[in-house]
Amino acid sequence: MRGGVARWRDAAIGERDDLRPVPAASLHVTLVFLGSKPAEAVRSLWDVTAAAAGGCQAARLLPQGVSAVPRRRPRLLALNLSDEGGRAADLHGAVAGALSGADLHETERRPFWPHVTLARARRGVRPGAWSSEAPLPEPFTSHSLTLYESRPSPAGARYRTLERLELAA
């Protein structure tokens, strides 16, 4: 999925200098944003997450268009995804609810929004409107749930896989 979305995004962005593309290896769909957590909490976070996700199925996601976020002063462009059958929302609800119930996460007020961040605005630049003639990327199935550690870097966040769980087909 990452390669196809990155190629599509790169063709659509072209030579734009107002955007900094997210590296292909860093493209992902955020299920639950955990924020900063102490290293000693990782085992508990993963144990609760894996237990909650154990009965969930892989989600089929369909690209639906691109949004500039936030609308008034965009800082990023995101590929909106439709959650065919609601499996991603079910997984989100199970994991977020279990983490909240274990006092490991505070449930967000805004609704779950399946998306992939494609590019970020360069510092101090307001990006122009998104325009692309290319057909959207193909739908894809998300077969795994991954716990990432995110570290800031001058080129953007760098992600390191800590844990991974394969979801039922």
Protein backbone atom coordinates (compact mmCIF):
# COMPACT_ATOMS: atom_id res chain seq x y z
CA MET A 1 0.00 0.00 0.00
CA ARG A 2 2.71 2.47 0.95
CA GLY A 3 4.52 2.28 -2.39
CA GLY A 4 1.36 2.80 -4.43
CA VAL A 5 0.15 5.74 -2.32
CA ALA A 6 3.63 7.33 -2.34
CA ARG A 7 3.93 7.03 -6.14
CA TRP A 8 0.45 8.49 -6.62
CA ARG A 9 1.16 11.34 -4.18
CA ASP A 10 4.55 12.12 -5.75
CA ALA A 11 3.02 12.30 -9.22
CA ALA A 12 0.28 14.60 -7.93
CA ILE A 13 2.63 16.87 -5.95
CA GLY A 14 5.19 17.08 -8.74
CA GLU A 15 7.67 19.87 -8.16
CA ARG A 16 5.69 21.77 -5.52
CA ASP A 17 8.02 23.50 -3.09
CA ASP A 18 5.32 24.35 -0.54
CA LEU A 19 4.96 20.71 0.62
CA ARG A 20 7.28 18.23 2.32
CA PRO A 21 6.14 14.69 1.40
CA VAL A 22 5.97 12.15 4.21
CA PRO A 23 8.56 9.43 3.46
CA ALA A 24 6.95 6.34 1.92
CA ALA A 25 8.10 4.15 4.83
CA SER A 26 6.29 6.47 7.26
CA LEU A 27 2.86 6.42 5.57
CA HIS A 28 0.30 4.89 7.93
CA VAL A 29 -3.27 5.09 9.21
CA THR A 30 -3.37 6.23 12.85
CA LEU A 31 -5.80 4.10 14.81
CA VAL A 32 -5.24 5.67 18.25
CA PHE A 33 -2.80 8.53 18.89
CA LEU A 34 -1.20 7.88 22.26
CA GLY A 35 1.05 10.92 22.54
CA SER A 36 4.06 10.87 24.82
CA LYS A 37 4.20 7.87 27.13
CA PRO A 38 6.98 6.67 29.43
CA ALA A 39 9.04 3.71 28.16
CA GLU A 40 7.89 1.57 31.09
CA ALA A 41 4.26 1.90 29.93
CA VAL A 42 4.89 0.31 26.52
CA ARG A 43 4.40 -3.30 27.68
CA SER A 44 1.07 -2.49 29.37
CA LEU A 45 -0.09 -0.42 26.38
CA TRP A 46 0.67 -3.26 24.00
CA ASP A 47 -0.82 -6.00 26.19
CA VAL A 48 -4.11 -4.12 26.49
CA THR A 49 -4.10 -3.21 22.77
CA ALA A 50 -3.37 -6.76 21.59
CA ALA A 51 -6.04 -8.24 23.86
CA ALA A 52 -8.65 -5.73 22.62
CA ALA A 53 -7.72 -6.21 18.95
CA GLY A 54 -7.46 -9.99 19.10
CA GLY A 55 -10.97 -10.62 17.79
CA CYS A 56 -11.01 -7.80 15.24
CA GLN A 57 -10.80 -8.25 11.49
CA ALA A 58 -8.61 -6.59 8.87
CA ALA A 59 -10.11 -3.38 7.49
CA ARG A 60 -10.72 -2.63 3.81
CA LEU A 61 -10.02 1.07 3.18
CA LEU A 62 -11.01 3.00 0.06
CA PRO A 63 -9.32 6.30 -0.89
CA GLN A 64 -11.95 9.05 -1.18
CA GLY A 65 -10.05 12.27 -1.86
CA VAL A 66 -7.59 14.66 -0.25
CA SER A 67 -8.20 17.16 2.55
CA ALA A 68 -6.11 20.13 3.66
CA VAL A 69 -5.98 20.13 7.48
CA PRO A 70 -6.91 22.33 9.22
CA ARG A 71 -9.06 24.05 6.63
CA ARG A 72 -8.26 27.66 7.51
CA ARG A 73 -4.46 27.39 7.74
CA PRO A 74 -3.52 23.98 6.39
CA ARG A 75 -0.47 22.28 7.82
CA LEU A 76 -0.91 18.96 6.07
CA LEU A 77 -2.60 17.13 3.23
CA ALA A 78 -4.33 13.85 4.05
CA LEU A 79 -5.78 11.06 1.92
CA ASN A 80 -9.30 10.44 3.25
CA LEU A 81 -10.29 6.79 3.54
CA SER A 82 -13.72 5.21 3.58
CA ASP A 83 -13.97 2.29 6.02
CA GLU A 84 -15.79 -0.43 4.07
CA GLY A 85 -17.89 -2.44 6.53
CA GLY A 86 -16.79 -0.36 9.54
CA ARG A 87 -13.97 -2.71 10.55
CA ALA A 88 -11.43 0.06 11.14
CA ALA A 89 -13.95 1.92 13.32
CA ASP A 90 -14.67 -1.30 15.23
CA LEU A 91 -10.94 -1.84 15.81
CA HIS A 92 -10.51 1.79 16.88
CA GLY A 93 -13.42 1.52 19.33
CA ALA A 94 -12.15 -1.72 20.83
CA VAL A 95 -8.59 -0.50 21.29
CA ALA A 96 -9.38 3.06 22.42
CA GLY A 97 -12.03 1.76 24.83
CA ALA A 98 -9.72 -0.85 26.34
CA LEU A 99 -6.86 1.64 26.74
CA SER A 100 -9.20 4.18 28.32
CA GLY A 101 -10.65 1.52 30.63
CA ALA A 102 -7.12 0.64 31.77
CA ASP A 103 -6.34 4.36 32.40
CA LEU A 104 -3.66 4.27 29.70
CA HIS A 105 -5.31 6.69 27.29
CA GLU A 106 -7.86 9.49 27.35
CA THR A 107 -10.48 8.99 24.65
CA GLU A 108 -10.54 11.81 22.11
CA ARG A 109 -13.72 13.82 21.65
CA ARG A 110 -13.46 14.00 17.87
CA PRO A 111 -14.63 11.01 15.85
CA PHE A 112 -12.25 8.46 14.35
CA TRP A 113 -11.01 9.67 10.95
CA PRO A 114 -9.25 7.06 8.81
CA HIS A 115 -6.64 8.86 6.71
CA VAL A 116 -3.02 8.81 5.59
CA THR A 117 -0.98 11.99 5.99
CA LEU A 118 0.58 12.55 2.56
CA ALA A 119 2.59 15.74 3.02
CA ARG A 120 3.16 18.57 5.47
CA ALA A 121 3.46 22.26 4.73
CA ARG A 122 7.00 23.56 4.74
CA ARG A 123 7.71 25.75 7.76
CA GLY A 124 6.31 29.25 7.34
CA VAL A 125 4.53 28.39 4.07
CA ARG A 126 0.80 28.15 3.49
CA PRO A 127 0.30 25.36 0.92
CA GLY A 128 -1.65 25.95 -2.24
CA ALA A 129 -4.80 24.02 -3.09
CA TRP A 130 -4.60 20.33 -3.93
CA SER A 131 -5.14 19.53 -7.56
CA SER A 132 -4.59 16.24 -9.35
CA GLU A 133 -5.94 14.62 -12.48
CA ALA A 134 -4.61 11.20 -11.45
CA PRO A 135 -7.20 8.63 -10.34
CA LEU A 136 -7.08 7.89 -6.64
CA PRO A 137 -4.94 4.99 -5.38
CA GLU A 138 -6.48 1.53 -5.28
CA PRO A 139 -8.39 0.36 -2.18
CA PHE A 140 -6.32 -1.70 0.23
CA THR A 141 -6.73 -3.97 3.22
CA SER A 142 -4.96 -3.19 6.47
CA HIS A 143 -3.87 -6.59 7.75
CA SER A 144 -1.89 -5.56 10.81
CA LEU A 145 -1.96 -3.32 13.85
CA THR A 146 1.41 -1.77 14.70
CA LEU A 147 2.64 0.10 17.75
CA TYR A 148 5.12 2.74 16.60
CA GLU A 149 7.54 4.92 18.47
CA SER A 150 7.68 8.34 16.85
CA ARG A 151 10.78 10.52 17.10
CA PRO A 152 10.99 14.03 15.69
CA SER A 153 13.71 14.78 13.15
CA PRO A 154 14.47 17.72 10.84
CA ALA A 155 12.95 15.76 7.93
CA GLY A 156 9.77 14.95 9.88
CA ALA A 157 8.79 12.22 12.33
CA ARG A 158 10.69 8.94 12.15
CA TYR A 159 8.81 5.80 13.14
CA ARG A 160 10.19 2.65 14.70
CA THR A 161 8.07 -0.49 15.00
CA LEU A 162 7.79 -1.71 18.59
CA GLU A 163 5.08 -4.36 18.22
CA ARG A 164 2.86 -5.79 15.47
CA LEU A 165 -0.30 -7.92 15.51
CA GLU A 166 -1.76 -9.59 12.41
CA LEU A 167 -5.53 -9.17 12.18
CA ALA A 168 -7.99 -11.85 11.13
CA ALA A 169 -8.85 -11.84 7.43
